[in-house]
Amino acid sequence: MSRLGQCVVFFNFLVFMIGCDTAGEGAAQIQIGSANEVSSIQGLQYQQPLVVQVTDLDGNPVAGASVSVRVVPVEYFKGIYIRIDANGLPAALLADAVRWGSLISAYCPTEDLNDNAVLDAGEDINGNVVLDPSHPATLTPHASALPTLDPISNRILTDDSGFGYFSITYPESVASWVAVRIIASTRVLGTESTQTMEVDLLAPLPDLEEVDIAPPGGSTESPYGVANVCTDAN
């Protein structure tokens, strides 16, 4: 449990003062963590598990902290999938290929500049009349670990160790082509703390190693195009 400040009362005739040790009180620290793990859901989606950890300033766990979580896109990538050989080079022959790899032609910042999920004036950089990359990832409860995300409120109540668990889920077609930002916030004793972490939407290695079939999403091209500039919708 989080350690509360300890107070000592001093009496001096009719006047008294209260001195408090506030170490560890009034503030919280959040950490967001991920693992090198991506799972497939019914051959249509991928899911990455994550953890939040809340401590006070002394490193003590904060139990029962209500952590709000958001996920927003920060970048999308244009390019193509190519087959890679054991040396990390483009495979000359199918027999030489060991996995699919993304060959990125352009790194493009999200068009949703004010993060309101609405296409506003001046945001359609590539001229295709939609926001790219929209919101490709969804916050979901962790598949097995508890306590986990409440999908209605997008909040997690930490356990006695200050931990809480959640996942991000996204279509296979955007894997390798989008980066998102995880934003976690909590308020402890009136003080709000926020932590962010950027996460690439990955594909699991076993799917990338199936070089005799189409790569994740079924297309060798990024869903955001293959041009080498972000102003081109192609």
Protein backbone atom coordinates (compact mmCIF):
# COMPACT_ATOMS: atom_id res chain seq x y z
CA MET A 1 0.00 0.00 0.00
CA SER A 2 1.09 3.60 -0.51
CA ARG A 3 2.79 5.09 2.53
CA LEU A 4 0.89 8.09 3.94
CA GLY A 5 2.69 11.02 5.51
CA GLN A 6 3.16 10.82 9.26
CA CYS A 7 2.18 13.84 11.39
CA VAL A 8 3.42 14.95 14.79
CA VAL A 9 1.46 17.41 16.98
CA PHE A 10 3.45 19.98 19.01
CA PHE A 11 1.77 21.78 21.96
CA ASN A 12 2.98 25.17 23.22
CA PHE A 13 0.57 26.50 25.83
CA LEU A 14 -2.65 27.23 23.90
CA VAL A 15 -1.02 27.05 20.48
CA PHE A 16 -0.38 23.84 18.65
CA MET A 17 1.27 23.08 15.35
CA ILE A 18 1.11 20.01 13.14
CA GLY A 19 4.27 18.95 11.35
CA CYS A 20 3.84 16.36 8.60
CA ASP A 21 6.31 14.11 6.83
CA THR A 22 4.98 14.34 3.28
CA ALA A 23 7.57 12.11 1.60
CA GLY A 24 5.78 9.96 -0.93
CA GLU A 25 2.53 11.88 -0.47
CA GLY A 26 0.64 14.04 -2.92
CA ALA A 27 2.22 12.74 -6.10
CA ALA A 28 2.37 9.58 -8.12
CA GLN A 29 4.64 8.23 -10.80
CA ILE A 30 3.30 6.17 -13.72
CA GLN A 31 5.25 3.79 -15.89
CA ILE A 32 3.89 2.10 -19.01
CA GLY A 33 5.50 -1.14 -20.09
CA SER A 34 5.21 -3.55 -22.99
CA ALA A 35 6.64 -6.91 -23.94
CA ASN A 36 7.97 -8.36 -27.16
CA GLU A 37 4.70 -10.21 -27.64
CA VAL A 38 1.97 -9.97 -30.26
CA SER A 39 -0.89 -12.45 -30.59
CA SER A 40 -3.33 -13.09 -33.42
CA ILE A 41 -7.11 -12.96 -32.97
CA GLN A 42 -9.10 -15.13 -35.39
CA GLY A 43 -6.69 -14.32 -38.22
CA LEU A 44 -8.06 -10.78 -38.48
CA GLN A 45 -6.51 -8.74 -35.70
CA TYR A 46 -3.36 -8.47 -33.63
CA GLN A 47 -3.12 -7.68 -29.94
CA GLN A 48 -0.24 -6.31 -27.86
CA PRO A 49 -0.38 -6.54 -24.02
CA LEU A 50 0.76 -3.64 -21.83
CA VAL A 51 1.09 -2.82 -18.13
CA VAL A 52 0.86 0.34 -16.06
CA GLN A 53 2.62 0.73 -12.72
CA VAL A 54 1.81 3.47 -10.20
CA THR A 55 4.16 4.35 -7.34
CA ASP A 56 4.61 7.24 -4.94
CA LEU A 57 7.76 9.34 -4.88
CA ASP A 58 9.51 6.79 -2.67
CA GLY A 59 8.80 3.90 -5.05
CA ASN A 60 6.02 2.42 -2.93
CA PRO A 61 3.12 0.91 -4.90
CA VAL A 62 -0.12 2.88 -4.98
CA ALA A 63 -3.04 0.49 -4.68
CA GLY A 64 -6.47 1.45 -5.96
CA ALA A 65 -5.20 4.22 -8.21
CA SER A 66 -7.63 4.96 -11.02
CA VAL A 67 -5.59 5.15 -14.22
CA SER A 68 -7.14 6.62 -17.35
CA VAL A 69 -5.72 5.26 -20.61
CA ARG A 70 -5.88 6.64 -24.16
CA VAL A 71 -4.36 5.59 -27.47
CA VAL A 72 -3.87 8.04 -30.34
CA PRO A 73 -2.02 7.71 -33.66
CA VAL A 74 1.22 9.65 -34.07
CA GLU A 75 2.69 8.41 -37.36
CA TYR A 76 1.95 6.27 -40.39
CA PHE A 77 4.25 4.75 -42.98
CA LYS A 78 4.11 4.34 -46.74
CA GLY A 79 5.93 1.51 -48.47
CA ILE A 80 5.84 -2.14 -49.42
CA TYR A 81 6.53 -5.54 -47.93
CA ILE A 82 9.48 -7.36 -49.43
CA ARG A 83 10.92 -10.81 -48.78
CA ILE A 84 14.12 -10.75 -46.72
CA ASP A 85 16.91 -13.32 -46.73
CA ALA A 86 18.94 -14.59 -43.77
CA ASN A 87 21.39 -11.69 -44.17
CA GLY A 88 18.64 -9.08 -43.87
CA LEU A 89 18.81 -8.26 -47.57
CA PRO A 90 16.07 -8.45 -50.22
CA ALA A 91 15.71 -12.09 -51.22
CA ALA A 92 16.61 -12.79 -54.83
CA LEU A 93 14.60 -16.01 -54.86
CA LEU A 94 11.63 -17.27 -52.87
CA ALA A 95 13.83 -20.14 -51.69
CA ASP A 96 16.20 -17.60 -50.10
CA ALA A 97 13.49 -15.75 -48.18
CA VAL A 98 13.14 -16.16 -44.42
CA ARG A 99 10.55 -13.46 -43.62
CA TRP A 100 8.60 -10.48 -44.87
CA GLY A 101 10.01 -7.04 -44.04
CA SER A 102 8.55 -3.57 -44.50
CA LEU A 103 10.44 -1.28 -46.86
CA ILE A 104 9.29 2.18 -45.79
CA SER A 105 9.29 4.95 -48.41
CA ALA A 106 7.86 7.78 -46.27
CA TYR A 107 7.34 8.47 -42.55
CA CYS A 108 4.25 10.65 -42.19
CA PRO A 109 2.95 12.39 -39.04
CA THR A 110 -0.70 11.94 -38.15
CA GLU A 111 -2.98 14.33 -40.00
CA ASP A 112 -5.23 14.77 -36.95
CA LEU A 113 -3.24 17.70 -35.62
CA ASN A 114 -5.65 18.62 -32.81
CA ASP A 115 -6.52 15.02 -31.89
CA ASN A 116 -10.29 15.47 -32.26
CA ALA A 117 -10.85 12.67 -34.81
CA VAL A 118 -12.46 15.18 -37.19
CA LEU A 119 -11.06 16.21 -40.56
CA ASP A 120 -10.53 19.94 -40.04
CA ALA A 121 -9.33 22.53 -42.52
CA GLY A 122 -5.65 22.15 -43.36
CA GLU A 123 -5.32 18.61 -41.98
CA ASP A 124 -5.79 16.59 -45.19
CA ILE A 125 -2.10 16.66 -46.14
CA ASN A 126 -2.32 13.92 -48.78
CA GLY A 127 -5.61 15.10 -50.31
CA ASN A 128 -7.60 11.87 -49.99
CA VAL A 129 -10.43 13.52 -47.96
CA VAL A 130 -9.92 11.30 -44.90
CA LEU A 131 -7.75 11.51 -41.81
CA ASP A 132 -4.70 9.28 -41.96
CA PRO A 133 -4.11 7.10 -40.13
CA SER A 134 -7.51 7.59 -38.44
CA HIS A 135 -7.57 5.67 -35.11
CA PRO A 136 -6.29 2.19 -36.05
CA ALA A 137 -5.83 0.77 -32.54
CA THR A 138 -8.43 0.10 -29.85
CA LEU A 139 -7.93 -0.19 -26.10
CA THR A 140 -9.07 -3.59 -24.86
CA PRO A 141 -8.86 -5.60 -21.62
CA HIS A 142 -5.84 -7.83 -21.12
CA ALA A 143 -6.49 -11.39 -22.25
CA SER A 144 -5.68 -12.96 -18.86
CA ALA A 145 -4.04 -10.63 -16.32
CA LEU A 146 -6.02 -8.79 -13.64
CA PRO A 147 -6.86 -6.07 -12.76
CA THR A 148 -7.50 -4.95 -16.28
CA LEU A 149 -9.10 -2.18 -18.28
CA ASP A 150 -12.79 -1.35 -17.94
CA PRO A 151 -13.72 -0.95 -21.62
CA ILE A 152 -16.57 1.41 -20.78
CA SER A 153 -14.56 4.00 -18.85
CA ASN A 154 -11.08 3.15 -20.24
CA ARG A 155 -9.82 3.08 -16.65
CA ILE A 156 -7.82 0.59 -14.60
CA LEU A 157 -7.80 0.30 -10.80
CA THR A 158 -4.34 -0.80 -9.72
CA ASP A 159 -3.81 -3.82 -7.46
CA ASP A 160 -1.90 -3.95 -4.16
CA SER A 161 1.36 -3.89 -6.13
CA GLY A 162 0.32 -0.78 -8.06
CA PHE A 163 -0.08 -2.72 -11.32
CA GLY A 164 -2.83 -2.76 -13.94
CA TYR A 165 -3.03 -4.46 -17.33
CA PHE A 166 -4.53 -3.75 -20.74
CA SER A 167 -4.01 -4.39 -24.45
CA ILE A 168 -4.21 -2.59 -27.77
CA THR A 169 -5.95 -4.39 -30.62
CA TYR A 170 -5.74 -3.50 -34.31
CA PRO A 171 -6.45 -4.95 -37.79
CA GLU A 172 -3.72 -7.04 -39.38
CA SER A 173 -3.70 -4.69 -42.36
CA VAL A 174 -2.22 -1.78 -40.37
CA ALA A 175 0.51 -3.85 -38.68
CA SER A 176 3.99 -2.53 -39.59
CA TRP A 177 2.48 0.71 -40.92
CA VAL A 178 1.41 2.77 -37.87
CA ALA A 179 2.86 4.07 -34.59
CA VAL A 180 0.56 5.10 -31.73
CA ARG A 181 0.99 6.92 -28.44
CA ILE A 182 -0.28 5.41 -25.18
CA ILE A 183 -1.28 8.06 -22.62
CA ALA A 184 -1.86 7.03 -19.01
CA SER A 185 -2.99 9.49 -16.32
CA THR A 186 -3.89 9.21 -12.64
CA ARG A 187 -4.67 11.56 -9.76
CA VAL A 188 -3.39 10.74 -6.28
CA LEU A 189 -4.13 13.06 -3.34
CA GLY A 190 -5.01 15.89 -5.68
CA THR A 191 -1.96 15.67 -7.91
CA GLU A 192 -2.28 14.41 -11.49
CA SER A 193 0.52 12.52 -13.20
CA THR A 194 0.72 11.53 -16.87
CA GLN A 195 3.05 9.22 -18.74
CA THR A 196 3.23 8.52 -22.48
CA MET A 197 4.87 5.82 -24.56
CA GLU A 198 5.01 5.36 -28.31
CA VAL A 199 4.32 1.88 -29.66
CA ASP A 200 4.68 0.50 -33.18
CA LEU A 201 1.79 -1.69 -34.28
CA LEU A 202 3.69 -4.88 -34.92
CA ALA A 203 2.99 -8.17 -36.63
CA PRO A 204 4.08 -11.41 -34.90
CA LEU A 205 7.22 -12.97 -36.29
CA PRO A 206 5.58 -16.33 -37.19
CA ASP A 207 3.21 -14.51 -39.57
CA LEU A 208 6.09 -12.63 -41.16
CA GLU A 209 7.96 -15.91 -41.66
CA GLU A 210 5.20 -17.35 -43.88
CA VAL A 211 6.93 -16.12 -47.03
CA ASP A 212 5.00 -18.39 -49.37
CA ILE A 213 1.74 -16.53 -48.70
CA ALA A 214 0.78 -12.85 -48.68
CA PRO A 215 2.08 -10.77 -45.73
CA PRO A 216 -0.18 -9.64 -42.85
CA GLY A 217 -3.27 -7.87 -44.17
CA GLY A 218 -3.07 -9.70 -47.48
CA SER A 219 -1.32 -6.96 -49.47
CA THR A 220 2.34 -6.23 -50.18
CA GLU A 221 1.56 -2.48 -50.10
CA SER A 222 0.98 -0.22 -47.13
CA PRO A 223 -2.69 0.73 -46.78
CA TYR A 224 -1.46 4.35 -46.82
CA GLY A 225 0.27 4.10 -50.18
CA VAL A 226 3.74 3.63 -51.61
CA ALA A 227 4.78 7.19 -52.53
CA ASN A 228 7.94 8.67 -51.06
CA VAL A 229 6.26 11.90 -49.92
CA CYS A 230 3.41 12.42 -47.45
CA THR A 231 1.57 14.88 -49.70
CA ASP A 232 0.79 12.12 -52.21
CA ALA A 233 -2.23 9.90 -51.48
CA ASN A 234 -0.69 7.02 -53.45
